[in-house]
Amino acid sequence: MDQLRSPGGCDWDAVQTHESLAEYLVEETYELLEAIDSGDRAHLREELGDVLLQVVFHCRIAMDDPTDPFDIDEVADGIADKLVRRHPHVFADAQAPQPGTTLSNWEVVKAAEKGRTAPLDGVPEGMPALTAIGKIRYRAGVAGLADAVPAPAHAGSDPEEALGDELLNRVLLAAESGMDAERALRGAVRRSRTRVAQAAAEQVGAEAEAP
């Protein structure tokens, strides 16, 4: 990547920015999710490489920043330090957590590090809704506010509001059953794609056989 970004390298790579690469990071992340769902190990390995490339690319761009440069070593050091801080029961003398408390302890340490004071600080507004509601419900539970996100007992009077309430109810029921609603929906979409492709192939075959 250094060679691609340097004089004599690739013209396209040389002019990219964090902003121009953002869409590719999103795209590669979804392709990685698809590989995970497929169970294809070779596909998974390839897509992990594509996501890693995005990290390497962004780090190389960061090296050229005139006021606040950093490189991939600093990024790796940062995440290593973070893992140590957030696992005091492993790397320090803190008491081993009781079953089920590790994630809540992680959230407490994370909130202190980032100066977060509200339960939903750090939950991105742009996160897909199906994923976001699970995160919101979890954060509310850690803060002792689980009742603030109850499954709706009655759908709203507005049709769109009623649909939202119904979807929310299904997503929360899925979470309580240990299922990932986003993954389940991806699976349904994938099955729909397959059915459409099969129908299109059958249609082409029928037209080819027609006199």
Protein backbone atom coordinates (compact mmCIF):
# COMPACT_ATOMS: atom_id res chain seq x y z
CA MET A 1 0.00 0.00 0.00
CA ASP A 2 2.91 2.33 0.67
CA GLN A 3 4.19 1.67 -2.84
CA LEU A 4 0.74 2.21 -4.33
CA ARG A 5 0.42 5.57 -2.54
CA SER A 6 3.96 6.74 -3.37
CA PRO A 7 5.25 8.44 -6.55
CA GLY A 8 5.28 5.95 -9.40
CA GLY A 9 2.49 3.95 -7.79
CA CYS A 10 -1.23 3.87 -8.61
CA ASP A 11 -2.89 7.15 -9.57
CA TRP A 12 -6.24 6.06 -8.11
CA ASP A 13 -4.86 4.86 -4.77
CA ALA A 14 -2.75 8.01 -4.43
CA VAL A 15 -5.72 10.38 -4.44
CA GLN A 16 -8.05 8.48 -2.12
CA THR A 17 -9.14 9.94 1.23
CA HIS A 18 -10.87 8.58 4.32
CA GLU A 19 -14.08 10.08 2.97
CA SER A 20 -13.78 8.65 -0.54
CA LEU A 21 -13.14 5.15 0.84
CA ALA A 22 -16.07 5.17 3.27
CA GLU A 23 -18.50 3.53 0.84
CA TYR A 24 -16.03 0.72 0.14
CA LEU A 25 -15.65 -0.01 3.85
CA VAL A 26 -19.43 -0.40 4.16
CA GLU A 27 -19.56 -2.57 1.03
CA GLU A 28 -16.72 -4.82 2.16
CA THR A 29 -18.30 -5.21 5.59
CA TYR A 30 -21.54 -6.46 4.08
CA GLU A 31 -19.62 -8.83 1.81
CA LEU A 32 -17.88 -10.19 4.92
CA LEU A 33 -21.26 -10.72 6.59
CA GLU A 34 -22.41 -12.61 3.51
CA ALA A 35 -19.32 -14.80 3.68
CA ILE A 36 -19.97 -15.55 7.36
CA ASP A 37 -23.56 -16.54 6.57
CA SER A 38 -22.45 -18.76 3.68
CA GLY A 39 -20.15 -20.91 5.81
CA ASP A 40 -17.66 -20.93 2.93
CA ARG A 41 -14.22 -20.79 4.59
CA ALA A 42 -12.35 -19.72 1.44
CA HIS A 43 -14.87 -16.92 0.90
CA LEU A 44 -14.55 -15.88 4.54
CA ARG A 45 -10.76 -15.74 4.29
CA GLU A 46 -10.96 -13.61 1.15
CA GLU A 47 -13.47 -11.14 2.58
CA LEU A 48 -11.51 -10.78 5.83
CA GLY A 49 -8.57 -9.82 3.64
CA ASP A 50 -10.67 -7.21 1.87
CA VAL A 51 -11.73 -5.68 5.20
CA LEU A 52 -8.12 -5.77 6.42
CA LEU A 53 -7.12 -3.96 3.23
CA GLN A 54 -9.48 -1.14 4.17
CA VAL A 55 -7.77 -0.80 7.55
CA VAL A 56 -4.31 -0.81 5.95
CA PHE A 57 -5.45 1.72 3.32
CA HIS A 58 -6.87 4.12 5.91
CA CYS A 59 -3.73 3.84 8.04
CA ARG A 60 -1.52 4.65 5.05
CA ILE A 61 -3.68 7.69 4.25
CA ALA A 62 -3.42 8.76 7.90
CA MET A 63 0.37 8.81 7.62
CA ASP A 64 0.10 11.69 5.14
CA ASP A 65 -1.96 13.92 7.42
CA PRO A 66 -0.01 17.17 7.90
CA THR A 67 -1.22 17.90 11.44
CA ASP A 68 -2.03 14.59 13.13
CA PRO A 69 -0.40 11.63 11.32
CA PHE A 70 -0.47 8.08 12.62
CA ASP A 71 0.39 4.66 11.21
CA ILE A 72 -0.82 1.09 11.47
CA ASP A 73 1.56 0.31 14.35
CA GLU A 74 -0.09 3.01 16.45
CA VAL A 75 -3.52 1.63 15.55
CA ALA A 76 -2.46 -1.90 16.56
CA ASP A 77 -0.88 -0.62 19.80
CA GLY A 78 -4.07 1.28 20.59
CA ILE A 79 -6.34 -1.74 20.26
CA ALA A 80 -3.91 -3.92 22.24
CA ASP A 81 -3.89 -1.38 25.09
CA LYS A 82 -7.68 -1.18 24.94
CA LEU A 83 -8.07 -4.95 25.26
CA VAL A 84 -5.82 -4.95 28.31
CA ARG A 85 -7.75 -2.10 29.97
CA ARG A 86 -11.12 -3.70 29.32
CA HIS A 87 -10.12 -7.13 30.62
CA PRO A 88 -8.75 -6.36 34.10
CA HIS A 89 -9.82 -9.84 35.28
CA VAL A 90 -7.39 -11.30 32.72
CA PHE A 91 -4.50 -8.84 32.63
CA ALA A 92 -4.65 -7.35 36.14
CA ASP A 93 -5.45 -8.47 39.67
CA ALA A 94 -9.16 -7.78 39.45
CA GLN A 95 -11.48 -10.52 40.64
CA ALA A 96 -12.68 -12.88 37.93
CA PRO A 97 -16.19 -11.86 36.85
CA GLN A 98 -19.27 -13.87 37.60
CA PRO A 99 -20.86 -15.61 34.60
CA GLY A 100 -22.72 -13.11 32.47
CA THR A 101 -21.01 -10.03 33.88
CA THR A 102 -18.06 -9.78 31.47
CA LEU A 103 -19.96 -7.81 28.83
CA SER A 104 -21.50 -5.44 31.35
CA ASN A 105 -18.07 -4.81 32.90
CA TRP A 106 -16.72 -4.12 29.40
CA GLU A 107 -19.43 -1.50 28.87
CA VAL A 108 -18.68 0.17 32.21
CA VAL A 109 -14.95 0.46 31.45
CA LYS A 110 -15.69 1.59 27.88
CA ALA A 111 -18.07 4.31 29.08
CA ALA A 112 -15.47 5.61 31.54
CA GLU A 113 -12.77 5.69 28.85
CA LYS A 114 -14.91 7.65 26.41
CA GLY A 115 -16.49 9.95 28.97
CA ARG A 116 -19.99 8.69 28.19
CA THR A 117 -22.68 9.79 30.59
CA ALA A 118 -25.87 8.66 28.84
CA PRO A 119 -26.79 5.00 28.20
CA LEU A 120 -27.03 5.43 24.44
CA ASP A 121 -23.90 7.52 23.91
CA GLY A 122 -21.88 5.88 21.14
CA VAL A 123 -24.76 4.05 19.45
CA PRO A 124 -24.45 5.43 15.89
CA GLU A 125 -27.52 7.11 14.43
CA GLY A 126 -26.70 5.51 11.08
CA MET A 127 -26.67 1.94 12.41
CA PRO A 128 -29.24 -0.31 10.66
CA ALA A 129 -32.49 -0.20 12.64
CA LEU A 130 -32.67 -3.94 13.26
CA THR A 131 -29.20 -3.90 14.79
CA ALA A 132 -29.71 -0.62 16.61
CA ILE A 133 -32.76 -1.70 18.61
CA GLY A 134 -30.90 -4.72 19.96
CA LYS A 135 -28.01 -2.48 20.99
CA ILE A 136 -30.37 0.05 22.56
CA ARG A 137 -32.19 -2.64 24.52
CA TYR A 138 -28.87 -4.09 25.74
CA ARG A 139 -27.50 -0.68 26.78
CA ALA A 140 -30.76 0.11 28.56
CA GLY A 141 -30.50 -3.18 30.43
CA VAL A 142 -26.93 -2.46 31.55
CA ALA A 143 -28.13 0.91 32.86
CA GLY A 144 -31.05 -0.69 34.69
CA LEU A 145 -33.54 0.81 32.25
CA ALA A 146 -34.74 -2.31 30.40
CA ASP A 147 -38.38 -1.36 30.94
CA ALA A 148 -37.81 1.77 28.87
CA VAL A 149 -37.74 -0.37 25.71
CA PRO A 150 -40.60 -2.80 26.23
CA ALA A 151 -42.16 -4.84 23.46
CA PRO A 152 -45.16 -2.77 22.32
CA ALA A 153 -48.41 -4.16 23.67
CA HIS A 154 -50.54 -2.14 21.27
CA ALA A 155 -49.65 -0.99 17.80
CA GLY A 156 -49.99 2.71 17.05
CA SER A 157 -53.01 4.09 15.24
CA ASP A 158 -50.95 5.42 12.32
CA PRO A 159 -50.28 2.60 9.77
CA GLU A 160 -46.56 3.33 9.61
CA GLU A 161 -46.33 3.60 13.39
CA ALA A 162 -48.23 0.32 13.74
CA LEU A 163 -45.82 -1.39 11.34
CA GLY A 164 -42.85 -0.03 13.29
CA ASP A 165 -44.33 -1.32 16.55
CA GLU A 166 -44.94 -4.74 15.05
CA LEU A 167 -41.39 -4.96 13.68
CA LEU A 168 -39.98 -3.79 17.01
CA ASN A 169 -41.93 -6.49 18.80
CA ARG A 170 -40.59 -9.19 16.50
CA VAL A 171 -37.00 -7.98 16.80
CA LEU A 172 -37.15 -7.93 20.60
CA LEU A 173 -38.70 -11.40 20.69
CA ALA A 174 -35.86 -12.60 18.47
CA ALA A 175 -33.29 -11.05 20.81
CA GLU A 176 -34.88 -12.73 23.83
CA SER A 177 -34.60 -16.06 21.98
CA GLY A 178 -30.92 -15.46 21.21
CA MET A 179 -31.50 -14.86 17.51
CA ASP A 180 -30.00 -12.12 15.34
CA ALA A 181 -32.89 -10.38 13.55
CA GLU A 182 -30.56 -8.72 11.04
CA ARG A 183 -29.04 -12.07 10.10
CA ALA A 184 -32.47 -13.69 9.86
CA LEU A 185 -33.65 -10.95 7.52
CA ARG A 186 -30.50 -11.29 5.41
CA GLY A 187 -31.27 -14.99 5.10
CA ALA A 188 -34.83 -14.26 3.97
CA VAL A 189 -33.58 -11.73 1.43
CA ARG A 190 -31.02 -14.25 0.18
CA ARG A 191 -33.75 -16.88 -0.27
CA SER A 192 -35.83 -14.34 -2.17
CA ARG A 193 -32.90 -13.63 -4.47
CA THR A 194 -32.54 -17.35 -5.14
CA ARG A 195 -36.24 -17.75 -5.92
CA VAL A 196 -36.20 -14.78 -8.29
CA ALA A 197 -33.10 -16.11 -10.06
CA GLN A 198 -34.66 -19.56 -10.40
CA ALA A 199 -37.90 -18.10 -11.73
CA ALA A 200 -35.98 -15.99 -14.25
CA ALA A 201 -34.03 -19.05 -15.42
CA GLU A 202 -37.24 -21.03 -15.80
CA GLN A 203 -38.78 -18.18 -17.75
CA VAL A 204 -35.82 -18.03 -20.13
CA GLY A 205 -36.00 -21.81 -20.57
CA ALA A 206 -39.71 -21.71 -21.29
CA GLU A 207 -39.25 -18.95 -23.87
CA ALA A 208 -36.46 -20.91 -25.53
CA GLU A 209 -38.69 -23.99 -25.82
CA ALA A 210 -41.69 -22.04 -27.12
CA PRO A 211 -42.40 -22.54 -30.83
